[in-house]
N, C-alpha and C. Protein backbone atom coordinates (compact mmCIF):
# COMPACT_ATOMS: atom_id res chain seq x y z
N MET A 1 75.14 -20.20 -26.25
CA MET A 1 74.01 -19.41 -26.82
C MET A 1 74.59 -18.40 -27.86
N THR A 2 74.01 -18.49 -29.00
CA THR A 2 74.46 -17.60 -30.12
C THR A 2 74.00 -16.17 -29.89
N ILE A 3 74.69 -15.23 -30.61
CA ILE A 3 74.46 -13.83 -30.50
C ILE A 3 72.96 -13.55 -30.87
N PHE A 4 72.49 -14.23 -31.94
CA PHE A 4 71.08 -14.07 -32.41
C PHE A 4 70.13 -14.43 -31.35
N THR A 5 70.34 -15.55 -30.64
CA THR A 5 69.52 -15.98 -29.56
C THR A 5 69.53 -15.03 -28.38
N LEU A 6 70.74 -14.44 -28.14
CA LEU A 6 70.86 -13.54 -27.00
C LEU A 6 70.13 -12.25 -27.31
N MET A 7 70.27 -11.77 -28.53
CA MET A 7 69.59 -10.60 -28.94
C MET A 7 68.03 -10.70 -28.91
N ARG A 8 67.63 -11.91 -29.29
CA ARG A 8 66.18 -12.16 -29.43
C ARG A 8 65.61 -12.19 -27.92
N ALA A 9 66.33 -12.74 -26.97
CA ALA A 9 65.88 -12.86 -25.59
C ALA A 9 65.87 -11.38 -25.02
N CYS A 10 66.88 -10.63 -25.30
CA CYS A 10 66.80 -9.22 -24.86
C CYS A 10 65.72 -8.38 -25.41
N LEU A 11 65.42 -8.62 -26.74
CA LEU A 11 64.33 -7.91 -27.33
C LEU A 11 63.02 -8.22 -26.64
N ILE A 12 62.78 -9.53 -26.40
CA ILE A 12 61.46 -9.96 -25.78
C ILE A 12 61.38 -9.35 -24.45
N ALA A 13 62.47 -9.29 -23.64
CA ALA A 13 62.42 -8.77 -22.29
C ALA A 13 62.09 -7.26 -22.34
N VAL A 14 62.79 -6.51 -23.17
CA VAL A 14 62.48 -5.09 -23.41
C VAL A 14 61.04 -4.79 -23.85
N LEU A 15 60.59 -5.63 -24.76
CA LEU A 15 59.20 -5.45 -25.26
C LEU A 15 58.23 -5.70 -24.14
N GLY A 16 58.50 -6.69 -23.31
CA GLY A 16 57.62 -6.97 -22.19
C GLY A 16 57.45 -5.89 -21.19
N LEU A 17 58.75 -5.28 -20.90
CA LEU A 17 58.73 -4.08 -20.01
C LEU A 17 58.02 -2.94 -20.61
N PHE A 18 58.13 -2.74 -21.94
CA PHE A 18 57.50 -1.62 -22.58
C PHE A 18 55.97 -1.71 -22.61
N ILE A 19 55.45 -3.07 -22.84
CA ILE A 19 54.05 -3.21 -22.83
C ILE A 19 53.49 -3.07 -21.47
N THR A 20 54.23 -3.54 -20.36
CA THR A 20 53.75 -3.37 -19.06
C THR A 20 53.58 -1.89 -18.69
N ALA A 21 54.59 -1.06 -19.08
CA ALA A 21 54.63 0.41 -18.82
C ALA A 21 53.52 1.05 -19.44
N CYS A 22 53.09 0.52 -20.62
CA CYS A 22 52.08 1.29 -21.39
C CYS A 22 50.74 0.70 -21.25
N SER A 23 50.54 -0.21 -20.28
CA SER A 23 49.17 -0.96 -20.19
C SER A 23 48.06 0.00 -19.68
N GLY A 24 48.48 1.04 -18.97
CA GLY A 24 47.52 2.05 -18.61
C GLY A 24 46.64 1.74 -17.46
N LEU A 25 46.89 0.55 -16.81
CA LEU A 25 46.03 0.16 -15.69
C LEU A 25 46.69 0.78 -14.37
N PRO A 26 45.77 1.50 -13.71
CA PRO A 26 46.27 2.08 -12.45
C PRO A 26 46.52 0.97 -11.36
N SER A 27 47.44 1.27 -10.55
CA SER A 27 47.65 0.30 -9.40
C SER A 27 46.48 0.15 -8.57
N SER A 28 46.25 -1.07 -8.03
CA SER A 28 45.02 -1.23 -7.22
C SER A 28 45.21 -0.57 -5.86
N ALA A 29 46.47 -0.08 -5.57
CA ALA A 29 46.70 0.72 -4.33
C ALA A 29 45.87 2.01 -4.49
N GLU A 30 45.47 2.51 -5.65
CA GLU A 30 44.70 3.73 -5.89
C GLU A 30 43.24 3.43 -5.81
N MET A 31 42.84 2.22 -5.64
CA MET A 31 41.39 1.90 -5.63
C MET A 31 40.74 2.29 -4.37
N PRO A 32 39.50 2.92 -4.48
CA PRO A 32 38.77 3.28 -3.18
C PRO A 32 38.49 2.06 -2.36
N PRO A 33 38.83 2.03 -1.07
CA PRO A 33 38.48 0.90 -0.29
C PRO A 33 36.95 0.66 -0.28
N ALA A 34 36.55 -0.67 -0.33
CA ALA A 34 35.12 -0.92 -0.45
C ALA A 34 34.40 -0.45 0.79
N SER A 35 35.06 -0.36 1.89
CA SER A 35 34.35 0.10 3.17
C SER A 35 33.96 1.49 3.15
N GLU A 36 34.59 2.31 2.13
CA GLU A 36 34.22 3.70 2.09
C GLU A 36 33.18 4.01 1.15
N LEU A 37 32.68 2.99 0.43
CA LEU A 37 31.67 3.17 -0.58
C LEU A 37 30.28 3.11 0.11
N GLU A 38 29.35 3.99 -0.30
CA GLU A 38 28.12 4.07 0.32
C GLU A 38 27.24 2.88 -0.10
N THR A 39 26.47 2.27 0.82
CA THR A 39 25.69 1.26 0.54
C THR A 39 24.21 1.72 0.25
N GLU A 40 23.72 1.36 -0.96
CA GLU A 40 22.46 1.83 -1.33
C GLU A 40 21.38 1.17 -0.58
N PRO A 41 20.34 1.98 -0.14
CA PRO A 41 19.15 1.43 0.53
C PRO A 41 18.60 0.20 -0.29
N TYR A 42 18.23 -0.81 0.31
CA TYR A 42 17.63 -1.95 -0.25
C TYR A 42 16.29 -1.65 -0.86
N GLU A 43 16.01 -1.95 -2.12
CA GLU A 43 14.67 -1.75 -2.71
C GLU A 43 14.08 -3.13 -3.07
N ILE A 44 12.91 -3.33 -2.80
CA ILE A 44 12.24 -4.61 -3.11
C ILE A 44 12.11 -4.84 -4.50
N GLY A 45 12.36 -6.02 -5.04
CA GLY A 45 12.31 -6.41 -6.45
C GLY A 45 11.49 -7.56 -6.74
N VAL A 46 11.20 -7.90 -7.98
CA VAL A 46 10.45 -8.96 -8.43
C VAL A 46 11.16 -10.29 -8.01
N GLY A 47 10.40 -11.20 -7.45
CA GLY A 47 11.02 -12.46 -6.95
C GLY A 47 11.44 -12.47 -5.56
N ASP A 48 11.46 -11.34 -4.92
CA ASP A 48 11.89 -11.25 -3.47
C ASP A 48 10.78 -11.85 -2.68
N THR A 49 11.16 -12.49 -1.53
CA THR A 49 10.18 -12.94 -0.59
C THR A 49 10.11 -12.00 0.55
N VAL A 50 8.90 -11.50 0.87
CA VAL A 50 8.79 -10.56 1.96
C VAL A 50 7.87 -11.02 2.97
N PHE A 51 8.31 -10.74 4.28
CA PHE A 51 7.43 -11.16 5.51
C PHE A 51 6.78 -9.99 5.99
N ILE A 52 5.44 -9.97 6.09
CA ILE A 52 4.62 -8.82 6.56
C ILE A 52 4.00 -9.17 7.84
N HIS A 53 4.34 -8.45 8.91
CA HIS A 53 3.83 -8.72 10.21
C HIS A 53 2.85 -7.55 10.65
N VAL A 54 1.67 -7.84 11.05
CA VAL A 54 0.79 -6.84 11.58
C VAL A 54 0.53 -7.12 12.99
N TRP A 55 1.05 -6.25 13.88
CA TRP A 55 0.99 -6.48 15.40
C TRP A 55 -0.53 -6.64 15.85
N ARG A 56 -0.79 -7.58 16.57
CA ARG A 56 -2.09 -7.92 17.18
C ARG A 56 -3.11 -8.38 16.07
N ASN A 57 -2.66 -8.55 14.90
CA ASN A 57 -3.52 -9.01 13.79
C ASN A 57 -2.83 -10.10 13.00
N PRO A 58 -2.47 -11.25 13.59
CA PRO A 58 -1.72 -12.30 12.91
C PRO A 58 -2.31 -12.76 11.70
N GLU A 59 -3.63 -12.71 11.59
CA GLU A 59 -4.36 -13.19 10.40
C GLU A 59 -4.04 -12.36 9.18
N LEU A 60 -3.60 -11.17 9.34
CA LEU A 60 -3.31 -10.25 8.20
C LEU A 60 -1.83 -10.44 7.78
N GLY A 61 -0.98 -11.03 8.62
CA GLY A 61 0.39 -11.21 8.31
C GLY A 61 0.54 -12.40 7.30
N GLN A 62 1.62 -12.27 6.58
CA GLN A 62 1.92 -13.35 5.56
C GLN A 62 3.34 -13.21 5.00
N THR A 63 3.80 -14.35 4.47
CA THR A 63 5.08 -14.42 3.78
C THR A 63 4.64 -14.58 2.34
N ILE A 64 5.14 -13.75 1.47
CA ILE A 64 4.69 -13.68 0.05
C ILE A 64 5.80 -13.31 -0.84
N VAL A 65 5.78 -13.84 -2.09
CA VAL A 65 6.78 -13.60 -3.15
C VAL A 65 6.20 -12.49 -4.02
N VAL A 66 7.01 -11.43 -4.38
CA VAL A 66 6.64 -10.38 -5.22
C VAL A 66 6.45 -10.97 -6.60
N ARG A 67 5.23 -10.73 -7.15
CA ARG A 67 4.94 -11.22 -8.50
C ARG A 67 5.67 -10.55 -9.66
N PRO A 68 5.67 -11.19 -10.79
CA PRO A 68 6.45 -10.49 -11.90
C PRO A 68 5.90 -9.12 -12.27
N ASP A 69 4.66 -8.82 -11.89
CA ASP A 69 4.18 -7.47 -12.16
C ASP A 69 4.54 -6.51 -11.12
N GLY A 70 5.24 -6.95 -10.08
CA GLY A 70 5.68 -6.09 -9.04
C GLY A 70 4.83 -5.83 -7.84
N PHE A 71 3.69 -6.55 -7.93
CA PHE A 71 2.68 -6.47 -6.90
C PHE A 71 2.62 -7.71 -5.85
N ILE A 72 2.08 -7.42 -4.67
CA ILE A 72 1.73 -8.50 -3.80
C ILE A 72 0.18 -8.30 -3.44
N SER A 73 -0.35 -9.32 -2.89
CA SER A 73 -1.80 -9.16 -2.60
C SER A 73 -2.01 -9.32 -1.05
N MET A 74 -2.68 -8.35 -0.52
CA MET A 74 -2.90 -8.25 0.95
C MET A 74 -4.30 -8.35 1.31
N PRO A 75 -4.65 -9.05 2.40
CA PRO A 75 -6.07 -9.17 2.85
C PRO A 75 -6.54 -7.70 3.17
N LEU A 76 -7.80 -7.42 2.83
CA LEU A 76 -8.51 -6.22 2.97
C LEU A 76 -8.01 -5.06 1.97
N MET A 77 -6.84 -5.23 1.54
CA MET A 77 -6.28 -4.22 0.61
C MET A 77 -6.17 -4.54 -0.92
N GLY A 78 -6.15 -5.92 -1.21
CA GLY A 78 -5.98 -6.29 -2.61
C GLY A 78 -4.58 -6.16 -3.05
N ASP A 79 -4.34 -5.78 -4.30
CA ASP A 79 -2.97 -5.71 -4.71
C ASP A 79 -2.30 -4.39 -4.34
N VAL A 80 -1.06 -4.59 -3.92
CA VAL A 80 -0.13 -3.48 -3.46
C VAL A 80 1.06 -3.48 -4.25
N LYS A 81 1.49 -2.35 -4.75
CA LYS A 81 2.79 -2.29 -5.48
C LYS A 81 3.96 -2.34 -4.46
N ALA A 82 4.90 -3.34 -4.67
CA ALA A 82 5.93 -3.57 -3.84
C ALA A 82 7.29 -3.22 -4.47
N GLU A 83 7.40 -3.49 -5.75
CA GLU A 83 8.61 -3.41 -6.44
C GLU A 83 9.11 -1.90 -6.42
N GLY A 84 10.41 -1.76 -6.17
CA GLY A 84 10.98 -0.39 -6.19
C GLY A 84 10.88 0.37 -4.85
N LYS A 85 10.24 -0.24 -3.89
CA LYS A 85 10.07 0.44 -2.56
C LYS A 85 10.94 -0.16 -1.51
N ARG A 86 11.46 0.62 -0.58
CA ARG A 86 12.20 0.20 0.54
C ARG A 86 11.20 -0.55 1.48
N PRO A 87 11.59 -1.54 2.25
CA PRO A 87 10.75 -2.25 3.20
C PRO A 87 10.03 -1.25 4.12
N GLU A 88 10.71 -0.28 4.64
CA GLU A 88 9.98 0.66 5.49
C GLU A 88 8.98 1.46 4.79
N GLU A 89 9.15 1.76 3.54
CA GLU A 89 8.11 2.55 2.71
C GLU A 89 6.95 1.63 2.42
N LEU A 90 7.10 0.40 2.10
CA LEU A 90 5.99 -0.51 1.98
C LEU A 90 5.29 -0.71 3.25
N ALA A 91 6.00 -0.82 4.40
CA ALA A 91 5.30 -1.01 5.66
C ALA A 91 4.47 0.25 6.00
N SER A 92 4.96 1.45 5.69
CA SER A 92 4.22 2.65 5.98
C SER A 92 2.94 2.76 5.16
N GLU A 93 3.04 2.33 3.85
CA GLU A 93 1.91 2.36 3.05
C GLU A 93 0.82 1.46 3.48
N ILE A 94 1.24 0.16 3.79
CA ILE A 94 0.28 -0.80 4.24
C ILE A 94 -0.36 -0.42 5.53
N ASN A 95 0.49 0.18 6.36
CA ASN A 95 0.05 0.68 7.73
C ASN A 95 -1.10 1.78 7.51
N THR A 96 -0.93 2.65 6.55
CA THR A 96 -1.90 3.68 6.29
C THR A 96 -3.18 3.18 5.79
N THR A 97 -3.10 2.23 4.88
CA THR A 97 -4.27 1.69 4.26
C THR A 97 -5.03 0.84 5.27
N LEU A 98 -4.35 0.06 6.03
CA LEU A 98 -5.05 -0.80 6.94
C LEU A 98 -5.70 -0.02 8.07
N GLY A 99 -5.26 1.16 8.25
CA GLY A 99 -5.81 2.02 9.27
C GLY A 99 -7.26 2.44 8.95
N GLU A 100 -7.60 2.16 7.76
CA GLU A 100 -9.10 2.50 7.34
C GLU A 100 -9.99 1.25 7.80
N PHE A 101 -9.31 0.11 8.11
CA PHE A 101 -10.13 -1.08 8.49
C PHE A 101 -9.86 -1.51 9.90
N ILE A 102 -8.74 -1.22 10.56
CA ILE A 102 -8.48 -1.71 11.96
C ILE A 102 -7.85 -0.57 12.71
N ARG A 103 -7.98 -0.59 13.98
CA ARG A 103 -7.46 0.51 14.88
C ARG A 103 -5.95 0.38 15.00
N THR A 104 -5.25 1.55 14.76
CA THR A 104 -3.84 1.66 15.09
C THR A 104 -2.98 0.41 14.72
N PRO A 105 -2.96 0.07 13.37
CA PRO A 105 -2.15 -1.05 13.02
C PRO A 105 -0.62 -0.68 13.05
N GLU A 106 0.13 -1.71 13.32
CA GLU A 106 1.57 -1.50 13.35
C GLU A 106 2.17 -2.59 12.40
N VAL A 107 2.63 -2.15 11.33
CA VAL A 107 3.16 -3.08 10.24
C VAL A 107 4.74 -3.09 10.20
N THR A 108 5.29 -4.19 10.06
CA THR A 108 6.69 -4.37 9.81
C THR A 108 6.79 -5.26 8.56
N VAL A 109 7.78 -4.82 7.63
CA VAL A 109 8.00 -5.56 6.45
C VAL A 109 9.54 -5.96 6.48
N MET A 110 9.83 -7.24 6.23
CA MET A 110 11.24 -7.71 6.14
C MET A 110 11.32 -8.52 4.89
N VAL A 111 12.47 -8.33 4.18
CA VAL A 111 12.83 -9.15 2.97
C VAL A 111 13.57 -10.32 3.59
N THR A 112 12.98 -11.58 3.40
CA THR A 112 13.58 -12.73 3.90
C THR A 112 14.41 -13.52 2.81
N ASN A 113 14.20 -13.18 1.58
CA ASN A 113 14.93 -13.85 0.43
C ASN A 113 15.05 -12.82 -0.66
N PRO A 114 16.16 -12.11 -0.70
CA PRO A 114 16.38 -11.03 -1.68
C PRO A 114 16.75 -11.54 -3.03
N LEU A 115 15.94 -12.38 -3.71
CA LEU A 115 16.31 -13.05 -4.93
C LEU A 115 16.57 -12.11 -6.04
N SER A 116 15.92 -10.93 -6.03
CA SER A 116 16.09 -9.99 -7.14
C SER A 116 17.52 -9.38 -7.20
N LYS A 117 18.19 -9.41 -6.05
CA LYS A 117 19.54 -8.80 -6.01
C LYS A 117 20.67 -9.90 -5.96
N GLU A 118 20.31 -11.10 -6.20
CA GLU A 118 21.18 -12.22 -6.07
C GLU A 118 22.44 -11.99 -7.02
N PHE A 119 22.15 -11.67 -8.29
CA PHE A 119 23.24 -11.52 -9.21
C PHE A 119 23.96 -10.24 -9.10
N ARG A 120 23.40 -9.27 -8.60
CA ARG A 120 24.07 -7.93 -8.33
C ARG A 120 25.08 -8.13 -7.12
N ASN A 121 24.79 -8.96 -6.23
CA ASN A 121 25.57 -9.18 -5.04
C ASN A 121 26.47 -10.35 -5.19
N ARG A 122 27.17 -10.39 -6.33
CA ARG A 122 28.11 -11.51 -6.45
C ARG A 122 29.45 -11.06 -6.96
N ILE A 123 30.48 -11.95 -6.71
CA ILE A 123 31.92 -11.71 -7.18
C ILE A 123 32.21 -12.68 -8.25
N ARG A 124 32.88 -12.30 -9.30
CA ARG A 124 33.15 -13.22 -10.35
C ARG A 124 34.69 -13.32 -10.64
N ILE A 125 35.16 -14.50 -10.96
CA ILE A 125 36.59 -14.63 -11.35
C ILE A 125 36.64 -15.44 -12.55
N THR A 126 37.37 -14.90 -13.61
CA THR A 126 37.45 -15.60 -14.98
C THR A 126 38.85 -15.77 -15.32
N GLY A 127 39.04 -16.45 -16.40
CA GLY A 127 40.41 -16.65 -17.03
C GLY A 127 41.08 -17.85 -16.47
N GLN A 128 42.45 -17.69 -16.34
CA GLN A 128 43.38 -18.82 -16.03
C GLN A 128 43.30 -19.16 -14.46
N VAL A 129 42.14 -19.65 -14.06
CA VAL A 129 41.95 -20.25 -12.79
C VAL A 129 41.41 -21.66 -12.96
N ALA A 130 41.55 -22.52 -11.92
CA ALA A 130 41.20 -23.82 -12.11
C ALA A 130 39.70 -23.91 -12.35
N SER A 131 38.91 -23.20 -11.73
CA SER A 131 37.48 -23.20 -11.86
C SER A 131 36.82 -21.81 -11.73
N PRO A 132 36.58 -21.21 -12.98
CA PRO A 132 35.97 -19.87 -12.91
C PRO A 132 34.71 -19.81 -12.13
N GLN A 133 34.45 -18.84 -11.34
CA GLN A 133 33.41 -18.86 -10.36
C GLN A 133 32.59 -17.57 -10.44
N SER A 134 31.34 -17.72 -10.02
CA SER A 134 30.44 -16.65 -9.68
C SER A 134 29.89 -16.90 -8.23
N VAL A 135 30.39 -16.19 -7.28
CA VAL A 135 30.10 -16.55 -5.88
C VAL A 135 29.32 -15.41 -5.23
N ALA A 136 28.53 -15.78 -4.15
CA ALA A 136 27.78 -14.78 -3.45
C ALA A 136 28.78 -13.95 -2.66
N PHE A 137 28.61 -12.59 -2.66
CA PHE A 137 29.42 -11.74 -1.87
C PHE A 137 29.22 -11.99 -0.32
N GLN A 138 30.37 -11.93 0.40
CA GLN A 138 30.30 -12.01 1.82
C GLN A 138 31.16 -10.89 2.37
N PRO A 139 30.59 -10.15 3.44
CA PRO A 139 31.47 -9.06 4.01
C PRO A 139 32.82 -9.57 4.41
N GLY A 140 33.89 -8.87 4.13
CA GLY A 140 35.24 -9.21 4.44
C GLY A 140 36.00 -10.00 3.31
N MET A 141 35.34 -10.33 2.32
CA MET A 141 35.95 -11.15 1.21
C MET A 141 37.01 -10.36 0.50
N THR A 142 38.21 -11.09 0.21
CA THR A 142 39.25 -10.43 -0.44
C THR A 142 39.60 -11.08 -1.72
N VAL A 143 40.53 -10.55 -2.50
CA VAL A 143 40.99 -11.08 -3.71
C VAL A 143 41.57 -12.52 -3.47
N LEU A 144 42.26 -12.72 -2.47
CA LEU A 144 42.79 -14.16 -2.26
C LEU A 144 41.67 -15.11 -1.87
N ASP A 145 40.67 -14.73 -1.20
CA ASP A 145 39.58 -15.56 -0.86
C ASP A 145 38.96 -16.10 -2.16
N VAL A 146 38.71 -15.26 -3.13
CA VAL A 146 38.02 -15.66 -4.34
C VAL A 146 39.03 -16.52 -5.21
N VAL A 147 40.28 -16.18 -5.25
CA VAL A 147 41.18 -17.04 -6.00
C VAL A 147 41.30 -18.46 -5.47
N LEU A 148 41.26 -18.54 -4.16
CA LEU A 148 41.30 -19.86 -3.52
C LEU A 148 40.04 -20.66 -3.76
N MET A 149 38.80 -19.89 -3.76
CA MET A 149 37.57 -20.55 -4.04
C MET A 149 37.48 -21.08 -5.50
N ALA A 150 38.31 -20.38 -6.35
CA ALA A 150 38.32 -20.84 -7.79
C ALA A 150 39.35 -22.03 -7.94
N GLY A 151 39.92 -22.37 -6.88
CA GLY A 151 40.90 -23.54 -7.08
C GLY A 151 42.35 -23.10 -7.42
N GLY A 152 42.57 -21.82 -7.27
CA GLY A 152 43.94 -21.28 -7.60
C GLY A 152 44.06 -21.10 -9.07
N ILE A 153 45.32 -20.60 -9.47
CA ILE A 153 45.62 -20.26 -10.83
C ILE A 153 46.09 -21.43 -11.51
N THR A 154 46.04 -21.45 -12.87
CA THR A 154 46.62 -22.55 -13.71
C THR A 154 48.12 -22.26 -13.99
N ASP A 155 48.78 -23.27 -14.54
CA ASP A 155 50.19 -23.12 -15.05
C ASP A 155 50.39 -22.09 -16.12
N PHE A 156 49.34 -21.69 -16.77
CA PHE A 156 49.36 -20.81 -17.87
C PHE A 156 48.98 -19.37 -17.49
N ALA A 157 48.73 -19.18 -16.20
CA ALA A 157 48.28 -17.86 -15.77
C ALA A 157 49.35 -16.85 -15.74
N ALA A 158 49.13 -15.66 -16.24
CA ALA A 158 50.00 -14.42 -16.16
C ALA A 158 49.56 -13.74 -14.86
N ASP A 159 49.99 -14.41 -13.69
CA ASP A 159 49.44 -13.89 -12.41
C ASP A 159 49.81 -12.48 -11.94
N SER A 160 50.95 -12.06 -12.54
CA SER A 160 51.34 -10.64 -12.24
C SER A 160 50.48 -9.63 -13.02
N ARG A 161 49.70 -10.06 -13.92
CA ARG A 161 48.93 -9.17 -14.76
C ARG A 161 47.48 -9.29 -14.60
N ALA A 162 47.01 -9.90 -13.40
CA ALA A 162 45.58 -9.99 -13.16
C ALA A 162 44.98 -8.63 -13.00
N VAL A 163 43.70 -8.58 -13.28
CA VAL A 163 43.01 -7.29 -13.30
C VAL A 163 41.78 -7.36 -12.46
N LEU A 164 41.49 -6.34 -11.68
CA LEU A 164 40.17 -6.23 -11.01
C LEU A 164 39.33 -5.15 -11.64
N HIS A 165 38.18 -5.53 -12.10
CA HIS A 165 37.21 -4.61 -12.73
C HIS A 165 36.16 -4.30 -11.72
N ARG A 166 36.02 -2.95 -11.36
CA ARG A 166 35.09 -2.47 -10.45
C ARG A 166 34.23 -1.36 -10.93
N GLN A 167 33.01 -1.35 -10.60
CA GLN A 167 32.05 -0.40 -11.05
C GLN A 167 32.18 0.91 -10.03
N ILE A 168 32.51 2.01 -10.63
CA ILE A 168 32.65 3.20 -9.83
C ILE A 168 31.86 4.36 -10.55
N ASN A 169 31.01 4.91 -9.83
CA ASN A 169 30.08 5.97 -10.38
C ASN A 169 29.48 5.53 -11.66
N GLY A 170 28.99 4.23 -11.69
CA GLY A 170 28.11 3.74 -12.83
C GLY A 170 28.95 3.18 -13.90
N GLU A 171 30.30 3.23 -13.93
CA GLU A 171 31.29 2.73 -14.91
C GLU A 171 32.26 1.85 -14.43
N TYR A 172 32.56 0.83 -15.18
CA TYR A 172 33.64 -0.14 -14.75
C TYR A 172 35.01 0.53 -14.99
N GLU A 173 35.80 0.36 -13.96
CA GLU A 173 37.29 0.74 -14.14
C GLU A 173 38.14 -0.41 -13.80
N SER A 174 39.33 -0.45 -14.34
CA SER A 174 40.22 -1.64 -14.17
C SER A 174 41.53 -1.32 -13.40
N PHE A 175 41.86 -2.20 -12.55
CA PHE A 175 43.00 -2.00 -11.67
C PHE A 175 43.83 -3.19 -11.73
N GLY A 176 45.26 -2.96 -11.82
CA GLY A 176 46.11 -4.07 -11.83
C GLY A 176 46.25 -4.76 -10.47
N LEU A 177 46.34 -6.12 -10.54
CA LEU A 177 46.56 -6.94 -9.33
C LEU A 177 47.76 -7.87 -9.66
N ASP A 178 48.54 -8.05 -8.55
CA ASP A 178 49.70 -8.80 -8.62
C ASP A 178 49.45 -10.22 -7.81
N LEU A 179 48.90 -11.22 -8.43
CA LEU A 179 48.54 -12.42 -7.83
C LEU A 179 49.82 -13.21 -7.45
N GLU A 180 50.83 -12.96 -8.34
CA GLU A 180 52.16 -13.70 -8.08
C GLU A 180 52.68 -13.26 -6.69
N ALA A 181 52.65 -11.97 -6.41
CA ALA A 181 53.11 -11.38 -5.16
C ALA A 181 52.28 -12.01 -3.98
N ILE A 182 51.02 -12.12 -4.15
CA ILE A 182 50.18 -12.62 -3.11
C ILE A 182 50.43 -14.10 -2.90
N LEU A 183 50.41 -14.86 -3.91
CA LEU A 183 50.45 -16.30 -3.70
C LEU A 183 51.86 -16.84 -3.47
N THR A 184 52.90 -16.19 -4.12
CA THR A 184 54.22 -16.73 -3.92
C THR A 184 55.04 -16.03 -2.85
N ASP A 185 54.83 -14.69 -2.75
CA ASP A 185 55.64 -13.97 -1.83
C ASP A 185 54.97 -13.60 -0.52
N GLY A 186 53.67 -13.87 -0.45
CA GLY A 186 52.93 -13.46 0.71
C GLY A 186 52.82 -11.98 0.84
N ASP A 187 52.98 -11.23 -0.22
CA ASP A 187 52.86 -9.76 -0.32
C ASP A 187 51.40 -9.38 -0.53
N MET A 188 50.74 -8.93 0.53
CA MET A 188 49.25 -8.71 0.50
C MET A 188 48.88 -7.28 0.13
N ARG A 189 49.79 -6.40 -0.41
CA ARG A 189 49.47 -5.12 -0.76
C ARG A 189 48.30 -4.99 -1.75
N THR A 190 48.09 -5.94 -2.62
CA THR A 190 47.01 -5.90 -3.59
C THR A 190 45.87 -6.91 -3.31
N ASN A 191 45.98 -7.52 -2.03
CA ASN A 191 44.89 -8.33 -1.56
C ASN A 191 43.68 -7.49 -0.94
N HIS A 192 43.14 -6.82 -1.79
CA HIS A 192 42.15 -5.80 -1.35
C HIS A 192 40.82 -6.48 -0.98
N SER A 193 40.00 -5.77 -0.10
CA SER A 193 38.67 -6.21 0.22
C SER A 193 37.89 -5.98 -1.11
N LEU A 194 36.91 -6.85 -1.33
CA LEU A 194 36.02 -6.76 -2.47
C LEU A 194 34.63 -6.28 -2.15
N GLN A 195 33.85 -5.94 -3.22
CA GLN A 195 32.54 -5.48 -3.00
C GLN A 195 31.65 -6.07 -4.10
N PRO A 196 30.36 -6.11 -3.80
CA PRO A 196 29.48 -6.79 -4.80
C PRO A 196 29.69 -6.18 -6.19
N GLY A 197 29.71 -7.10 -7.22
CA GLY A 197 29.89 -6.66 -8.62
C GLY A 197 31.28 -6.73 -9.13
N ASP A 198 32.24 -6.86 -8.22
CA ASP A 198 33.69 -7.00 -8.75
C ASP A 198 33.98 -8.10 -9.55
N VAL A 199 34.79 -7.98 -10.64
CA VAL A 199 35.15 -9.03 -11.44
C VAL A 199 36.72 -9.09 -11.53
N ILE A 200 37.27 -10.32 -11.23
CA ILE A 200 38.75 -10.51 -11.32
C ILE A 200 39.02 -11.30 -12.58
N SER A 201 39.90 -10.80 -13.51
CA SER A 201 40.27 -11.47 -14.72
C SER A 201 41.80 -11.89 -14.59
N VAL A 202 42.04 -13.19 -14.90
CA VAL A 202 43.37 -13.67 -14.84
C VAL A 202 43.82 -14.06 -16.26
N PRO A 203 44.68 -13.27 -16.95
CA PRO A 203 44.96 -13.58 -18.33
C PRO A 203 45.97 -14.62 -18.51
N ARG A 204 46.15 -15.07 -19.76
CA ARG A 204 47.02 -16.20 -20.02
C ARG A 204 48.42 -15.69 -20.40
N LYS A 205 49.40 -16.40 -20.12
CA LYS A 205 50.74 -16.02 -20.44
C LYS A 205 50.87 -15.86 -21.97
N GLN A 206 51.78 -14.97 -22.37
CA GLN A 206 51.94 -14.65 -23.76
C GLN A 206 53.43 -14.72 -24.19
N LEU A 207 53.71 -15.37 -25.30
CA LEU A 207 55.10 -15.56 -25.76
C LEU A 207 55.76 -14.20 -25.99
N PHE A 208 55.07 -13.22 -26.63
CA PHE A 208 55.73 -11.98 -27.06
C PHE A 208 56.07 -11.12 -25.86
N ARG A 209 55.47 -11.47 -24.62
CA ARG A 209 55.91 -10.75 -23.38
C ARG A 209 56.95 -11.44 -22.69
N GLY A 210 57.48 -12.65 -23.24
CA GLY A 210 58.46 -13.30 -22.58
C GLY A 210 58.04 -14.04 -21.40
N GLU A 211 56.77 -14.49 -21.37
CA GLU A 211 56.18 -15.15 -20.19
C GLU A 211 56.22 -16.73 -20.32
N LEU A 212 56.47 -17.10 -21.63
CA LEU A 212 56.51 -18.63 -21.84
C LEU A 212 57.91 -19.03 -22.05
């Protein structure tokens, strides 16, 4: 190895360390655990399927899809605004109105197909994985689960520079992940639980970082 080649290799290594130190990404160890984040009450949206049960009045019960204008149609009541209301709020409103027609109605509303929240409740993984994915969130899902669902990383993945993007207080923040440690060393310190809306990005190796 010539002196020039040795100096070039040293320069690339030092540059890689410098870039890593200046990346500004906080460690994912600083990330709030998903279990501590408050779950927002579910609000009915356009496209949701709701089941309305009226006790002792089965002819008034129905399964119906919320229309694009946000309304549903109910016997005796006509059009009822459903969009933006919690199921218990809609049930209370229907209960009050039906009380004008039948004695002591008892109404239950259940969302049987929350289509309007389908894309909000998903996890996405992009970049250098075998098959970039957008998958439905499941409680208990971790970084490793999603990486495996995507078929693992490619040979060109800079797995130690993976990033998790998470929405916190209405804005996305980025946290460093070490997939190399997870997949190669079994080090699960950055194998965090995920939450709806999380995005994992796996960048490509770069020559000037000394990764190729």
